[in-house]
Amino acid sequence: LEFRRVLFRSFQAITLVLEDADNMPLSERLMSAELLSNAVCWDGAASFRKHVLNSGGHPPIPPSDSKNQGEAGGTDKASSLLWHVVRLITSESDTGVLLHLLDVVKTCLDTEPMEPSERDKFLALFYDHYIKWLVDPVLPNEKDDSDRPVTDTVSVPTSPERMTMQGYVCDLLSSCVRTHTYRMKYFVLGNRIVGSGAAAVCLETQVGAQ
């Protein structure tokens, strides 16, 4: 019990660090990401999920019409630890930081150790408020990068780093298809991802195979 209290305090501290990641040197970003990954993996992300569910500060639900992505707004008010993790995944140029943060998301989305009530509540939150912010960077640009939702506070990485990020994110999303088949199918069909371009092939292929 005491260790879980320490975990919750560490989540609060890491949130404060990651929200200022734009002004942080790589060594500090890497250390924070590694600490978070280790903390989340310690108890199968149960404490992390509880912290995210209870803390609030979730990003707004992006509009389903990709042409209106720039109108989503409001991410400057998002303050949850999961939001800062997702935001950095779609903007981080260092592979080490990126892999630690992806491990955090993969672990917290693993439904095997979850109680049914926790699973439904957390997955509903993730698919309502977070997953579209991960999907957008792997889809073709229909507008100028300055209008993309993930760039409210962070610049999108340039080409080589962006391609690396897209590959890892696509792998994460493919894992979502395998473990949350019906939720992911509903998301893909509801957000007109099928047929949106070569960058979305990983999602279309995985959904079609389920």
C-alpha atoms as a PDB file:
ATOM      1  CA  LEU A   1       0.000   0.000   0.000  1.00  0.00           C
ATOM      2  CA  GLU A   2       2.793   2.395   0.896  1.00  0.00           C
ATOM      3  CA  PHE A   3       4.598   1.633  -2.345  1.00  0.00           C
ATOM      4  CA  ARG A   4       1.433   2.429  -4.316  1.00  0.00           C
ATOM      5  CA  ARG A   5       1.260   5.799  -2.579  1.00  0.00           C
ATOM      6  CA  VAL A   6       4.853   6.393  -3.637  1.00  0.00           C
ATOM      7  CA  LEU A   7       3.867   5.437  -7.196  1.00  0.00           C
ATOM      8  CA  PHE A   8       1.010   7.953  -7.249  1.00  0.00           C
ATOM      9  CA  ARG A   9       3.340  10.680  -5.992  1.00  0.00           C
ATOM     10  CA  SER A  10       5.875   9.736  -8.668  1.00  0.00           C
ATOM     11  CA  PHE A  11       3.149   9.972 -11.340  1.00  0.00           C
ATOM     12  CA  GLN A  12       2.329  13.476 -10.160  1.00  0.00           C
ATOM     13  CA  ALA A  13       5.997  14.472 -10.282  1.00  0.00           C
ATOM     14  CA  ILE A  14       6.547  12.952 -13.733  1.00  0.00           C
ATOM     15  CA  THR A  15       3.452  14.773 -15.010  1.00  0.00           C
ATOM     16  CA  LEU A  16       5.008  18.088 -14.003  1.00  0.00           C
ATOM     17  CA  VAL A  17       8.251  17.137 -15.729  1.00  0.00           C
ATOM     18  CA  LEU A  18       6.685  15.926 -18.982  1.00  0.00           C
ATOM     19  CA  GLU A  19       4.408  18.916 -19.367  1.00  0.00           C
ATOM     20  CA  ASP A  20       7.545  21.034 -19.707  1.00  0.00           C
ATOM     21  CA  ALA A  21       9.299  18.534 -22.005  1.00  0.00           C
ATOM     22  CA  ASP A  22       9.671  21.134 -24.777  1.00  0.00           C
ATOM     23  CA  ASN A  23      12.205  22.998 -22.633  1.00  0.00           C
ATOM     24  CA  MET A  24      13.892  19.908 -21.220  1.00  0.00           C
ATOM     25  CA  PRO A  25      17.243  18.457 -22.340  1.00  0.00           C
ATOM     26  CA  LEU A  26      17.210  14.967 -23.846  1.00  0.00           C
ATOM     27  CA  SER A  27      18.893  13.394 -20.809  1.00  0.00           C
ATOM     28  CA  GLU A  28      16.039  14.516 -18.532  1.00  0.00           C
ATOM     29  CA  ARG A  29      13.340  13.453 -20.996  1.00  0.00           C
ATOM     30  CA  LEU A  30      14.965  10.038 -21.309  1.00  0.00           C
ATOM     31  CA  MET A  31      15.298   9.598 -17.536  1.00  0.00           C
ATOM     32  CA  SER A  32      11.668  10.618 -16.954  1.00  0.00           C
ATOM     33  CA  ALA A  33      10.397   8.283 -19.673  1.00  0.00           C
ATOM     34  CA  GLU A  34      12.441   5.374 -18.320  1.00  0.00           C
ATOM     35  CA  LEU A  35      11.266   5.972 -14.744  1.00  0.00           C
ATOM     36  CA  LEU A  36       7.662   6.085 -15.886  1.00  0.00           C
ATOM     37  CA  SER A  37       8.018   2.911 -17.951  1.00  0.00           C
ATOM     38  CA  ASN A  38       9.538   1.031 -15.009  1.00  0.00           C
ATOM     39  CA  ALA A  39       6.864   2.305 -12.612  1.00  0.00           C
ATOM     40  CA  VAL A  40       4.029   1.341 -14.956  1.00  0.00           C
ATOM     41  CA  CYS A  41       5.427  -2.137 -15.620  1.00  0.00           C
ATOM     42  CA  TRP A  42       5.851  -2.808 -11.893  1.00  0.00           C
ATOM     43  CA  ASP A  43       2.164  -3.567 -11.262  1.00  0.00           C
ATOM     44  CA  GLY A  44       0.868  -4.110 -14.779  1.00  0.00           C
ATOM     45  CA  ALA A  45      -0.167  -0.464 -15.055  1.00  0.00           C
ATOM     46  CA  ALA A  46      -3.013  -0.808 -12.520  1.00  0.00           C
ATOM     47  CA  SER A  47      -1.806   2.215 -10.542  1.00  0.00           C
ATOM     48  CA  PHE A  48      -1.182   4.192 -13.720  1.00  0.00           C
ATOM     49  CA  ARG A  49      -4.689   3.527 -15.042  1.00  0.00           C
ATOM     50  CA  LYS A  50      -6.222   4.468 -11.695  1.00  0.00           C
ATOM     51  CA  HIS A  51      -4.191   7.670 -11.605  1.00  0.00           C
ATOM     52  CA  VAL A  52      -5.274   8.631 -15.139  1.00  0.00           C
ATOM     53  CA  LEU A  53      -8.942   7.855 -14.461  1.00  0.00           C
ATOM     54  CA  ASN A  54      -9.020   9.834 -11.215  1.00  0.00           C
ATOM     55  CA  SER A  55      -6.898  12.818 -12.226  1.00  0.00           C
ATOM     56  CA  GLY A  56      -8.985  14.177 -15.100  1.00  0.00           C
ATOM     57  CA  GLY A  57      -7.433  16.751 -17.436  1.00  0.00           C
ATOM     58  CA  HIS A  58      -8.129  14.695 -20.547  1.00  0.00           C
ATOM     59  CA  PRO A  59      -7.774  16.206 -24.030  1.00  0.00           C
ATOM     60  CA  PRO A  60     -10.930  17.091 -25.976  1.00  0.00           C
ATOM     61  CA  ILE A  61     -12.491  14.527 -28.263  1.00  0.00           C
ATOM     62  CA  PRO A  62     -11.223  15.427 -31.771  1.00  0.00           C
ATOM     63  CA  PRO A  63     -13.851  15.876 -34.498  1.00  0.00           C
ATOM     64  CA  SER A  64     -14.391  12.790 -36.647  1.00  0.00           C
ATOM     65  CA  ASP A  65     -14.043  14.854 -39.851  1.00  0.00           C
ATOM     66  CA  SER A  66     -10.304  15.017 -40.544  1.00  0.00           C
ATOM     67  CA  LYS A  67     -10.775  18.242 -42.481  1.00  0.00           C
ATOM     68  CA  ASN A  68     -11.743  19.953 -39.246  1.00  0.00           C
ATOM     69  CA  GLN A  69      -8.897  18.670 -37.107  1.00  0.00           C
ATOM     70  CA  GLY A  70      -7.518  22.137 -36.596  1.00  0.00           C
ATOM     71  CA  GLU A  71     -10.761  23.191 -34.955  1.00  0.00           C
ATOM     72  CA  ALA A  72     -10.446  20.735 -32.090  1.00  0.00           C
ATOM     73  CA  GLY A  73      -8.450  23.124 -29.908  1.00  0.00           C
ATOM     74  CA  GLY A  74      -8.431  22.974 -26.131  1.00  0.00           C
ATOM     75  CA  THR A  75      -5.382  20.745 -25.781  1.00  0.00           C
ATOM     76  CA  ASP A  76      -3.622  23.550 -23.936  1.00  0.00           C
ATOM     77  CA  LYS A  77      -5.955  22.712 -21.022  1.00  0.00           C
ATOM     78  CA  ALA A  78      -5.222  18.988 -21.132  1.00  0.00           C
ATOM     79  CA  SER A  79      -3.070  18.017 -18.162  1.00  0.00           C
ATOM     80  CA  SER A  80      -3.305  14.250 -17.643  1.00  0.00           C
ATOM     81  CA  LEU A  81      -0.154  12.155 -17.527  1.00  0.00           C
ATOM     82  CA  LEU A  82      -1.453   9.986 -20.372  1.00  0.00           C
ATOM     83  CA  TRP A  83      -1.978  13.082 -22.522  1.00  0.00           C
ATOM     84  CA  HIS A  84       1.630  14.180 -22.016  1.00  0.00           C
ATOM     85  CA  VAL A  85       2.774  10.648 -22.917  1.00  0.00           C
ATOM     86  CA  VAL A  86       0.677  10.615 -26.113  1.00  0.00           C
ATOM     87  CA  ARG A  87       1.752  14.143 -27.020  1.00  0.00           C
ATOM     88  CA  LEU A  88       5.424  13.233 -26.706  1.00  0.00           C
ATOM     89  CA  ILE A  89       5.016  10.003 -28.657  1.00  0.00           C
ATOM     90  CA  THR A  90       3.777  12.031 -31.624  1.00  0.00           C
ATOM     91  CA  SER A  91       6.496  14.669 -31.325  1.00  0.00           C
ATOM     92  CA  GLU A  92       9.607  13.073 -29.794  1.00  0.00           C
ATOM     93  CA  SER A  93      12.653  12.725 -32.051  1.00  0.00           C
ATOM     94  CA  ASP A  94      14.718  10.441 -29.765  1.00  0.00           C
ATOM     95  CA  THR A  95      14.068   6.719 -30.251  1.00  0.00           C
ATOM     96  CA  GLY A  96      14.957   5.843 -26.651  1.00  0.00           C
ATOM     97  CA  VAL A  97      12.360   8.210 -25.194  1.00  0.00           C
ATOM     98  CA  LEU A  98       9.834   7.091 -27.796  1.00  0.00           C
ATOM     99  CA  LEU A  99      10.248   3.380 -26.980  1.00  0.00           C
ATOM    100  CA  HIS A 100       9.842   3.930 -23.228  1.00  0.00           C
ATOM    101  CA  LEU A 101       6.655   5.934 -23.764  1.00  0.00           C
ATOM    102  CA  LEU A 102       5.256   3.369 -26.190  1.00  0.00           C
ATOM    103  CA  ASP A 103       5.886   0.681 -23.554  1.00  0.00           C
ATOM    104  CA  VAL A 104       3.808   2.733 -21.117  1.00  0.00           C
ATOM    105  CA  VAL A 105       0.848   2.892 -23.499  1.00  0.00           C
ATOM    106  CA  LYS A 106       1.113  -0.772 -24.536  1.00  0.00           C
ATOM    107  CA  THR A 107       1.211  -1.898 -20.911  1.00  0.00           C
ATOM    108  CA  CYS A 108      -1.757   0.200 -19.835  1.00  0.00           C
ATOM    109  CA  LEU A 109      -3.801  -1.112 -22.783  1.00  0.00           C
ATOM    110  CA  ASP A 110      -3.129  -4.772 -21.984  1.00  0.00           C
ATOM    111  CA  THR A 111      -6.601  -6.053 -21.081  1.00  0.00           C
ATOM    112  CA  GLU A 112      -5.502  -9.434 -19.656  1.00  0.00           C
ATOM    113  CA  PRO A 113      -4.805  -8.308 -16.059  1.00  0.00           C
ATOM    114  CA  MET A 114      -7.742  -5.859 -15.910  1.00  0.00           C
ATOM    115  CA  GLU A 115     -10.950  -6.351 -13.974  1.00  0.00           C
ATOM    116  CA  PRO A 116     -13.960  -6.058 -16.332  1.00  0.00           C
ATOM    117  CA  SER A 117     -15.182  -2.779 -14.807  1.00  0.00           C
ATOM    118  CA  GLU A 118     -11.713  -1.229 -14.956  1.00  0.00           C
ATOM    119  CA  ARG A 119     -11.191  -2.477 -18.503  1.00  0.00           C
ATOM    120  CA  ASP A 120     -14.409  -0.975 -19.837  1.00  0.00           C
ATOM    121  CA  LYS A 121     -13.902   2.348 -18.084  1.00  0.00           C
ATOM    122  CA  PHE A 122     -10.289   2.797 -19.133  1.00  0.00           C
ATOM    123  CA  LEU A 123     -10.726   1.641 -22.726  1.00  0.00           C
ATOM    124  CA  ALA A 124     -13.756   3.889 -23.138  1.00  0.00           C
ATOM    125  CA  LEU A 125     -11.649   6.822 -21.948  1.00  0.00           C
ATOM    126  CA  PHE A 126      -8.744   5.914 -24.218  1.00  0.00           C
ATOM    127  CA  TYR A 127     -10.841   5.419 -27.350  1.00  0.00           C
ATOM    128  CA  ASP A 128     -12.930   8.537 -26.704  1.00  0.00           C
ATOM    129  CA  HIS A 129     -10.173  10.991 -25.800  1.00  0.00           C
ATOM    130  CA  TYR A 130      -6.752   9.673 -26.798  1.00  0.00           C
ATOM    131  CA  ILE A 131      -6.496   7.289 -29.710  1.00  0.00           C
ATOM    132  CA  LYS A 132      -7.325   9.808 -32.443  1.00  0.00           C
ATOM    133  CA  TRP A 133      -4.383  11.937 -31.337  1.00  0.00           C
ATOM    134  CA  LEU A 134      -2.176   8.877 -31.976  1.00  0.00           C
ATOM    135  CA  VAL A 135      -3.781   8.018 -35.313  1.00  0.00           C
ATOM    136  CA  ASP A 136      -3.593  11.470 -36.910  1.00  0.00           C
ATOM    137  CA  PRO A 137       0.217  11.501 -37.329  1.00  0.00           C
ATOM    138  CA  VAL A 138       0.194   8.229 -39.318  1.00  0.00           C
ATOM    139  CA  LEU A 139      -2.440   9.431 -41.776  1.00  0.00           C
ATOM    140  CA  PRO A 140      -1.654  11.460 -44.916  1.00  0.00           C
ATOM    141  CA  ASN A 141      -1.462  15.219 -44.446  1.00  0.00           C
ATOM    142  CA  GLU A 142      -4.560  16.858 -45.895  1.00  0.00           C
ATOM    143  CA  LYS A 143      -3.668  20.209 -44.424  1.00  0.00           C
ATOM    144  CA  ASP A 144      -0.552  22.132 -43.521  1.00  0.00           C
ATOM    145  CA  ASP A 145       1.277  20.699 -40.480  1.00  0.00           C
ATOM    146  CA  SER A 146       0.572  23.866 -38.510  1.00  0.00           C
ATOM    147  CA  ASP A 147      -3.113  22.898 -38.444  1.00  0.00           C
ATOM    148  CA  ARG A 148      -2.621  19.420 -37.016  1.00  0.00           C
ATOM    149  CA  PRO A 149      -3.937  18.902 -33.481  1.00  0.00           C
ATOM    150  CA  VAL A 150      -0.738  17.438 -32.056  1.00  0.00           C
ATOM    151  CA  THR A 151       1.106  20.635 -32.883  1.00  0.00           C
ATOM    152  CA  ASP A 152      -0.758  22.804 -30.386  1.00  0.00           C
ATOM    153  CA  THR A 153       2.422  22.988 -28.295  1.00  0.00           C
ATOM    154  CA  VAL A 154       4.994  20.783 -30.013  1.00  0.00           C
ATOM    155  CA  SER A 155       6.457  20.811 -33.493  1.00  0.00           C
ATOM    156  CA  VAL A 156       6.023  17.628 -35.555  1.00  0.00           C
ATOM    157  CA  PRO A 157       9.410  15.934 -36.154  1.00  0.00           C
ATOM    158  CA  THR A 158      11.000  16.320 -39.548  1.00  0.00           C
ATOM    159  CA  SER A 159      11.002  13.521 -42.086  1.00  0.00           C
ATOM    160  CA  PRO A 160      13.341  10.743 -40.755  1.00  0.00           C
ATOM    161  CA  GLU A 161      12.166  11.079 -37.154  1.00  0.00           C
ATOM    162  CA  ARG A 162       8.553  11.401 -38.278  1.00  0.00           C
ATOM    163  CA  MET A 163       8.799   8.196 -40.307  1.00  0.00           C
ATOM    164  CA  THR A 164      10.280   6.357 -37.317  1.00  0.00           C
ATOM    165  CA  MET A 165       7.505   7.646 -35.072  1.00  0.00           C
ATOM    166  CA  GLN A 166       4.840   6.640 -37.608  1.00  0.00           C
ATOM    167  CA  GLY A 167       6.223   3.095 -37.781  1.00  0.00           C
ATOM    168  CA  TYR A 168       6.182   2.631 -34.011  1.00  0.00           C
ATOM    169  CA  VAL A 169       2.739   4.191 -33.639  1.00  0.00           C
ATOM    170  CA  CYS A 170       1.399   1.982 -36.430  1.00  0.00           C
ATOM    171  CA  ASP A 171       2.727  -1.051 -34.560  1.00  0.00           C
ATOM    172  CA  LEU A 172       0.966   0.139 -31.390  1.00  0.00           C
ATOM    173  CA  LEU A 173      -2.296   0.639 -33.263  1.00  0.00           C
ATOM    174  CA  SER A 174      -1.998  -2.812 -34.842  1.00  0.00           C
ATOM    175  CA  SER A 175      -1.671  -4.212 -31.321  1.00  0.00           C
ATOM    176  CA  CYS A 176      -4.865  -2.370 -30.396  1.00  0.00           C
ATOM    177  CA  VAL A 177      -6.649  -4.082 -33.278  1.00  0.00           C
ATOM    178  CA  ARG A 178      -5.538  -7.501 -32.028  1.00  0.00           C
ATOM    179  CA  THR A 179      -6.486  -6.912 -28.387  1.00  0.00           C
ATOM    180  CA  HIS A 180      -9.532  -4.597 -28.694  1.00  0.00           C
ATOM    181  CA  THR A 181     -10.941  -5.883 -31.960  1.00  0.00           C
ATOM    182  CA  TYR A 182     -14.469  -4.505 -31.809  1.00  0.00           C
ATOM    183  CA  ARG A 183     -13.545  -1.150 -30.301  1.00  0.00           C
ATOM    184  CA  MET A 184     -10.876  -0.661 -32.932  1.00  0.00           C
ATOM    185  CA  LYS A 185     -13.143  -1.709 -35.794  1.00  0.00           C
ATOM    186  CA  TYR A 186     -15.743   0.782 -34.604  1.00  0.00           C
ATOM    187  CA  PHE A 187     -13.087   3.486 -34.360  1.00  0.00           C
ATOM    188  CA  VAL A 188     -11.610   2.782 -37.817  1.00  0.00           C
ATOM    189  CA  LEU A 189     -14.992   2.717 -39.540  1.00  0.00           C
ATOM    190  CA  GLY A 190     -16.400   5.640 -37.567  1.00  0.00           C
ATOM    191  CA  ASN A 191     -13.462   7.891 -38.372  1.00  0.00           C
ATOM    192  CA  ARG A 192     -13.214   7.092 -42.091  1.00  0.00           C
ATOM    193  CA  ILE A 193      -9.692   5.686 -41.785  1.00  0.00           C
ATOM    194  CA  VAL A 194     -10.241   2.866 -44.280  1.00  0.00           C
ATOM    195  CA  GLY A 195      -9.164   4.081 -47.698  1.00  0.00           C
ATOM    196  CA  SER A 196      -7.412   7.158 -46.336  1.00  0.00           C
ATOM    197  CA  GLY A 197      -4.019   6.321 -47.845  1.00  0.00           C
ATOM    198  CA  ALA A 198      -0.954   4.100 -47.749  1.00  0.00           C
ATOM    199  CA  ALA A 199       0.032   5.254 -44.260  1.00  0.00           C
ATOM    200  CA  ALA A 200      -3.138   3.651 -42.889  1.00  0.00           C
ATOM    201  CA  VAL A 201      -2.570   0.258 -44.545  1.00  0.00           C
ATOM    202  CA  CYS A 202      -1.379  -1.249 -41.261  1.00  0.00           C
ATOM    203  CA  LEU A 203      -4.735  -0.465 -39.664  1.00  0.00           C
ATOM    204  CA  GLU A 204      -6.826  -1.558 -42.618  1.00  0.00           C
ATOM    205  CA  THR A 205      -4.934  -4.859 -42.925  1.00  0.00           C
ATOM    206  CA  GLN A 206      -5.206  -5.641 -39.229  1.00  0.00           C
ATOM    207  CA  VAL A 207      -8.901  -4.763 -39.044  1.00  0.00           C
ATOM    208  CA  GLY A 208      -9.678  -6.836 -42.121  1.00  0.00           C
ATOM    209  CA  ALA A 209      -7.887  -9.836 -40.658  1.00  0.00           C
ATOM    210  CA  GLN A 210      -9.913  -9.840 -37.438  1.00  0.00           C
END
